[in-house]
Structure formats: structure tokens, C-alpha cells
PDB file of N, CA and C in Angstrom:
ATOM      1  N   MET A   1     -12.052  -1.755   0.383  1.00  0.00           N
ATOM      2  CA  MET A   1     -10.998  -2.374   1.140  1.00  0.00           C
ATOM      3  C   MET A   1      -9.677  -1.848   0.604  1.00  0.00           C
ATOM      4  N   VAL A   2      -8.761  -1.594   1.490  1.00  0.00           N
ATOM      5  CA  VAL A   2      -7.468  -1.050   1.105  1.00  0.00           C
ATOM      6  C   VAL A   2      -6.367  -1.903   1.719  1.00  0.00           C
ATOM      7  N   TYR A   3      -5.377  -2.231   0.927  1.00  0.00           N
ATOM      8  CA  TYR A   3      -4.198  -2.923   1.406  1.00  0.00           C
ATOM      9  C   TYR A   3      -3.001  -2.017   1.200  1.00  0.00           C
ATOM     10  N   LEU A   4      -2.166  -1.905   2.203  1.00  0.00           N
ATOM     11  CA  LEU A   4      -0.891  -1.221   2.035  1.00  0.00           C
ATOM     12  C   LEU A   4       0.156  -2.303   1.864  1.00  0.00           C
ATOM     13  N   CYS A   5       0.882  -2.241   0.755  1.00  0.00           N
ATOM     14  CA  CYS A   5       1.865  -3.268   0.438  1.00  0.00           C
ATOM     15  C   CYS A   5       3.206  -2.628   0.161  1.00  0.00           C
ATOM     16  N   ARG A   6       4.219  -3.388   0.377  1.00  0.00           N
ATOM     17  CA  ARG A   6       5.552  -2.931   0.009  1.00  0.00           C
ATOM     18  C   ARG A   6       6.174  -4.005  -0.871  1.00  0.00           C
ATOM     19  N   PRO A   7       6.961  -3.607  -1.853  1.00  0.00           N
ATOM     20  CA  PRO A   7       7.566  -4.593  -2.746  1.00  0.00           C
ATOM     21  C   PRO A   7       8.633  -5.408  -2.028  1.00  0.00           C
ATOM     22  N   LEU A   8       8.736  -6.633  -2.366  1.00  0.00           N
ATOM     23  CA  LEU A   8       9.778  -7.518  -1.860  1.00  0.00           C
ATOM     24  C   LEU A   8      10.578  -8.033  -3.040  1.00  0.00           C
ATOM     25  N   PRO A   9      11.789  -8.482  -2.783  1.00  0.00           N
ATOM     26  CA  PRO A   9      12.539  -9.079  -3.890  1.00  0.00           C
ATOM     27  C   PRO A   9      11.771 -10.276  -4.449  1.00  0.00           C
ATOM     28  N   GLY A  10      11.860 -10.454  -5.715  1.00  0.00           N
ATOM     29  CA  GLY A  10      11.173 -11.566  -6.356  1.00  0.00           C
ATOM     30  C   GLY A  10      10.113 -11.065  -7.310  1.00  0.00           C
ATOM     31  N   GLN A  11       9.390 -11.990  -7.868  1.00  0.00           N
ATOM     32  CA  GLN A  11       8.391 -11.653  -8.874  1.00  0.00           C
ATOM     33  C   GLN A  11       6.990 -11.753  -8.276  1.00  0.00           C
ATOM     34  N   VAL A  12       6.181 -10.749  -8.527  1.00  0.00           N
ATOM     35  CA  VAL A  12       4.792 -10.752  -8.094  1.00  0.00           C
ATOM     36  C   VAL A  12       3.939 -11.015  -9.328  1.00  0.00           C
ATOM     37  N   THR A  13       3.057 -11.985  -9.224  1.00  0.00           N
ATOM     38  CA  THR A  13       2.167 -12.310 -10.327  1.00  0.00           C
ATOM     39  C   THR A  13       0.776 -11.831  -9.985  1.00  0.00           C
ATOM     40  N   GLU A  14       0.291 -10.874 -10.741  1.00  0.00           N
ATOM     41  CA  GLU A  14      -1.048 -10.335 -10.517  1.00  0.00           C
ATOM     42  C   GLU A  14      -2.082 -11.377 -10.895  1.00  0.00           C
ATOM     43  N   GLN A  15      -3.115 -11.466 -10.088  1.00  0.00           N
ATOM     44  CA  GLN A  15      -4.226 -12.375 -10.341  1.00  0.00           C
ATOM     45  C   GLN A  15      -5.496 -11.541 -10.494  1.00  0.00           C
ATOM     46  N   PRO A  16      -5.737 -10.935 -11.654  1.00  0.00           N
ATOM     47  CA  PRO A  16      -6.862 -10.016 -11.830  1.00  0.00           C
ATOM     48  C   PRO A  16      -8.217 -10.623 -11.508  1.00  0.00           C
ATOM     49  N   GLY A  17      -8.381 -11.928 -11.655  1.00  0.00           N
ATOM     50  CA  GLY A  17      -9.657 -12.563 -11.373  1.00  0.00           C
ATOM     51  C   GLY A  17      -9.998 -12.614  -9.892  1.00  0.00           C
ATOM     52  N   GLU A  18      -9.016 -12.372  -9.028  1.00  0.00           N
ATOM     53  CA  GLU A  18      -9.248 -12.460  -7.591  1.00  0.00           C
ATOM     54  C   GLU A  18      -9.937 -11.227  -7.025  1.00  0.00           C
ATOM     55  N   ILE A  19      -9.679 -10.079  -7.593  1.00  0.00           N
ATOM     56  CA  ILE A  19     -10.284  -8.836  -7.113  1.00  0.00           C
ATOM     57  C   ILE A  19     -10.557  -7.926  -8.302  1.00  0.00           C
ATOM     58  N   GLY A  20     -11.521  -7.046  -8.158  1.00  0.00           N
ATOM     59  CA  GLY A  20     -11.839  -6.091  -9.213  1.00  0.00           C
ATOM     60  C   GLY A  20     -11.645  -4.671  -8.713  1.00  0.00           C
ATOM     61  N   GLY A  21     -11.443  -3.755  -9.636  1.00  0.00           N
ATOM     62  CA  GLY A  21     -11.314  -2.347  -9.291  1.00  0.00           C
ATOM     63  C   GLY A  21     -10.086  -2.036  -8.461  1.00  0.00           C
ATOM     64  N   HIS A  22      -8.996  -2.693  -8.748  1.00  0.00           N
ATOM     65  CA  HIS A  22      -7.780  -2.472  -7.968  1.00  0.00           C
ATOM     66  C   HIS A  22      -6.685  -1.871  -8.836  1.00  0.00           C
ATOM     67  N   ARG A  23      -5.756  -1.221  -8.181  1.00  0.00           N
ATOM     68  CA  ARG A  23      -4.553  -0.734  -8.864  1.00  0.00           C
ATOM     69  C   ARG A  23      -3.544  -0.309  -7.810  1.00  0.00           C
ATOM     70  N   TRP A  24      -2.288  -0.258  -8.215  1.00  0.00           N
ATOM     71  CA  TRP A  24      -1.220   0.202  -7.337  1.00  0.00           C
ATOM     72  C   TRP A  24      -1.228   1.723  -7.337  1.00  0.00           C
ATOM     73  N   VAL A  25      -1.131   2.316  -6.166  1.00  0.00           N
ATOM     74  CA  VAL A  25      -1.055   3.770  -6.036  1.00  0.00           C
ATOM     75  C   VAL A  25       0.020   4.077  -5.007  1.00  0.00           C
ATOM     76  N   PRO A  26       1.070   4.814  -5.381  1.00  0.00           N
ATOM     77  CA  PRO A  26       2.070   5.210  -4.395  1.00  0.00           C
ATOM     78  C   PRO A  26       1.434   6.067  -3.290  1.00  0.00           C
ATOM     79  N   VAL A  27       1.942   5.937  -2.085  1.00  0.00           N
ATOM     80  CA  VAL A  27       1.394   6.688  -0.949  1.00  0.00           C
ATOM     81  C   VAL A  27       1.328   8.178  -1.259  1.00  0.00           C
ATOM     82  N   ALA A  28       2.335   8.693  -1.941  1.00  0.00           N
ATOM     83  CA  ALA A  28       2.372  10.128  -2.249  1.00  0.00           C
ATOM     84  C   ALA A  28       1.222  10.567  -3.150  1.00  0.00           C
ATOM     85  N   GLU A  29       0.600   9.626  -3.857  1.00  0.00           N
ATOM     86  CA  GLU A  29      -0.491   9.973  -4.775  1.00  0.00           C
ATOM     87  C   GLU A  29      -1.885   9.716  -4.203  1.00  0.00           C
ATOM     88  N   VAL A  30      -1.976   9.166  -3.011  1.00  0.00           N
ATOM     89  CA  VAL A  30      -3.280   8.847  -2.422  1.00  0.00           C
ATOM     90  C   VAL A  30      -4.132  10.104  -2.265  1.00  0.00           C
ATOM     91  N   ALA A  31      -3.511  11.223  -1.945  1.00  0.00           N
ATOM     92  CA  ALA A  31      -4.257  12.470  -1.739  1.00  0.00           C
ATOM     93  C   ALA A  31      -4.994  12.920  -3.004  1.00  0.00           C
ATOM     94  N   ARG A  32      -4.560  12.446  -4.165  1.00  0.00           N
ATOM     95  CA  ARG A  32      -5.225  12.823  -5.422  1.00  0.00           C
ATOM     96  C   ARG A  32      -6.496  12.013  -5.684  1.00  0.00           C
ATOM     97  N   LEU A  33      -6.692  10.945  -4.929  1.00  0.00           N
ATOM     98  CA  LEU A  33      -7.848  10.077  -5.131  1.00  0.00           C
ATOM     99  C   LEU A  33      -9.065  10.627  -4.396  1.00  0.00           C
ATOM    100  N   GLU A  34     -10.223  10.174  -4.822  1.00  0.00           N
ATOM    101  CA  GLU A  34     -11.456  10.556  -4.135  1.00  0.00           C
ATOM    102  C   GLU A  34     -11.594   9.645  -2.915  1.00  0.00           C
ATOM    103  N   THR A  35     -11.220  10.161  -1.763  1.00  0.00           N
ATOM    104  CA  THR A  35     -11.236   9.387  -0.515  1.00  0.00           C
ATOM    105  C   THR A  35     -11.756  10.274   0.611  1.00  0.00           C
ATOM    106  N   PRO A  36     -12.080   9.671   1.751  1.00  0.00           N
ATOM    107  CA  PRO A  36     -12.385  10.502   2.916  1.00  0.00           C
ATOM    108  C   PRO A  36     -11.167  11.371   3.234  1.00  0.00           C
ATOM    109  N   PRO A  37     -11.363  12.564   3.779  1.00  0.00           N
ATOM    110  CA  PRO A  37     -10.254  13.495   3.977  1.00  0.00           C
ATOM    111  C   PRO A  37      -9.128  12.959   4.859  1.00  0.00           C
ATOM    112  N   GLU A  38      -9.435  12.088   5.802  1.00  0.00           N
ATOM    113  CA  GLU A  38      -8.396  11.579   6.703  1.00  0.00           C
ATOM    114  C   GLU A  38      -7.605  10.413   6.104  1.00  0.00           C
ATOM    115  N   PHE A  39      -8.051   9.883   4.978  1.00  0.00           N
ATOM    116  CA  PHE A  39      -7.442   8.679   4.426  1.00  0.00           C
ATOM    117  C   PHE A  39      -5.981   8.852   3.988  1.00  0.00           C
ATOM    118  N   PRO A  40      -5.608   9.911   3.272  1.00  0.00           N
ATOM    119  CA  PRO A  40      -4.195  10.054   2.883  1.00  0.00           C
ATOM    120  C   PRO A  40      -3.242  10.063   4.089  1.00  0.00           C
ATOM    121  N   GLU A  41      -3.638  10.732   5.155  1.00  0.00           N
ATOM    122  CA  GLU A  41      -2.783  10.767   6.353  1.00  0.00           C
ATOM    123  C   GLU A  41      -2.695   9.379   6.996  1.00  0.00           C
ATOM    124  N   LEU A  42      -3.799   8.664   7.004  1.00  0.00           N
ATOM    125  CA  LEU A  42      -3.809   7.298   7.542  1.00  0.00           C
ATOM    126  C   LEU A  42      -2.873   6.397   6.739  1.00  0.00           C
ATOM    127  N   CYS A  43      -2.911   6.496   5.419  1.00  0.00           N
ATOM    128  CA  CYS A  43      -2.025   5.703   4.561  1.00  0.00           C
ATOM    129  C   CYS A  43      -0.561   6.051   4.810  1.00  0.00           C
ATOM    130  N   ALA A  44      -0.269   7.328   4.940  1.00  0.00           N
ATOM    131  CA  ALA A  44       1.106   7.755   5.199  1.00  0.00           C
ATOM    132  C   ALA A  44       1.593   7.207   6.540  1.00  0.00           C
ATOM    133  N   ALA A  45       0.738   7.250   7.559  1.00  0.00           N
ATOM    134  CA  ALA A  45       1.114   6.723   8.873  1.00  0.00           C
ATOM    135  C   ALA A  45       1.359   5.218   8.810  1.00  0.00           C
ATOM    136  N   ALA A  46       0.508   4.502   8.075  1.00  0.00           N
ATOM    137  CA  ALA A  46       0.683   3.049   7.930  1.00  0.00           C
ATOM    138  C   ALA A  46       1.972   2.732   7.181  1.00  0.00           C
ATOM    139  N   ALA A  47       2.286   3.492   6.147  1.00  0.00           N
ATOM    140  CA  ALA A  47       3.530   3.270   5.395  1.00  0.00           C
ATOM    141  C   ALA A  47       4.743   3.522   6.283  1.00  0.00           C
ATOM    142  N   THR A  48       4.676   4.540   7.125  1.00  0.00           N
ATOM    143  CA  THR A  48       5.768   4.816   8.062  1.00  0.00           C
ATOM    144  C   THR A  48       5.926   3.648   9.034  1.00  0.00           C
ATOM    145  N   TYR A  49       4.811   3.149   9.538  1.00  0.00           N
ATOM    146  CA  TYR A  49       4.836   2.005  10.449  1.00  0.00           C
ATOM    147  C   TYR A  49       5.476   0.791   9.776  1.00  0.00           C
ATOM    148  N   LEU A  50       5.062   0.500   8.527  1.00  0.00           N
ATOM    149  CA  LEU A  50       5.641  -0.633   7.816  1.00  0.00           C
ATOM    150  C   LEU A  50       7.140  -0.463   7.595  1.00  0.00           C
ATOM    151  N   SER A  51       7.576   0.757   7.309  1.00  0.00           N
ATOM    152  CA  SER A  51       9.000   0.979   7.076  1.00  0.00           C
ATOM    153  C   SER A  51       9.798   0.752   8.360  1.00  0.00           C
ATOM    154  N   ARG A  52       9.203   1.022   9.514  1.00  0.00           N
ATOM    155  CA  ARG A  52       9.883   0.763  10.787  1.00  0.00           C
ATOM    156  C   ARG A  52       9.946  -0.733  11.085  1.00  0.00           C
ATOM    157  N   LEU A  53       8.983  -1.492  10.597  1.00  0.00           N
ATOM    158  CA  LEU A  53       8.983  -2.940  10.792  1.00  0.00           C
ATOM    159  C   LEU A  53       9.929  -3.650   9.835  1.00  0.00           C
ATOM    160  N   GLU A  54      10.247  -3.022   8.744  1.00  0.00           N
ATOM    161  CA  GLU A  54      10.993  -3.680   7.666  1.00  0.00           C
ATOM    162  C   GLU A  54      12.223  -4.428   8.149  1.00  0.00           C
ATOM    163  N   PRO A  55      13.102  -3.860   8.990  1.00  0.00           N
ATOM    164  CA  PRO A  55      14.284  -4.633   9.413  1.00  0.00           C
ATOM    165  C   PRO A  55      13.911  -5.958  10.099  1.00  0.00           C
ATOM    166  N   SER A  56      12.870  -5.949  10.923  1.00  0.00           N
ATOM    167  CA  SER A  56      12.489  -7.184  11.601  1.00  0.00           C
ATOM    168  C   SER A  56      11.830  -8.172  10.651  1.00  0.00           C
ATOM    169  N   LEU A  57      11.187  -7.694   9.603  1.00  0.00           N
ATOM    170  CA  LEU A  57      10.547  -8.578   8.633  1.00  0.00           C
ATOM    171  C   LEU A  57      11.565  -9.284   7.745  1.00  0.00           C
ATOM    172  N   ASN A  58      12.718  -8.672   7.581  1.00  0.00           N
ATOM    173  CA  ASN A  58      13.740  -9.245   6.706  1.00  0.00           C
ATOM    174  C   ASN A  58      14.697 -10.173   7.435  1.00  0.00           C
ATOM    175  N   SER A  59      14.523 -10.338   8.734  1.00  0.00           N
ATOM    176  CA  SER A  59      15.464 -11.208   9.459  1.00  0.00           C
ATOM    177  C   SER A  59      14.884 -12.574   9.708  1.00  0.00           C
TER     178      SER A  59
END
């Protein structure tokens, strides 16, 4: 399972007991991971989509 997240102002408290085998990876580094070949492009497209939504999410 993959979540694309963006930081928000405030403090994020990690809850390691909730999920295992997780870590933060910048979109630019996804291509270095062992993933299906289309996955890095999918992540980049999702990040672009989220960045376009950002103004509406902050209002």
C-alpha cells in the first residue's frame, strides 16, 4: 500500500505501531526503489495532482 502525503504546518507524530515497513521517500527518489516500472511516473503524476489541489485545500 502506498500513500502520497504532503507536509502541513504543525507537528506530525509518527505512530510506528500502526503500520510496519514504512518510511518517507521523496517523489524524486521513488525511481531508486524496487517497484513496478510504471510506479515512479504514477507517483510523480499524483504529486503534481496534489500540488494543483493545494490552494483549494488551504482555504
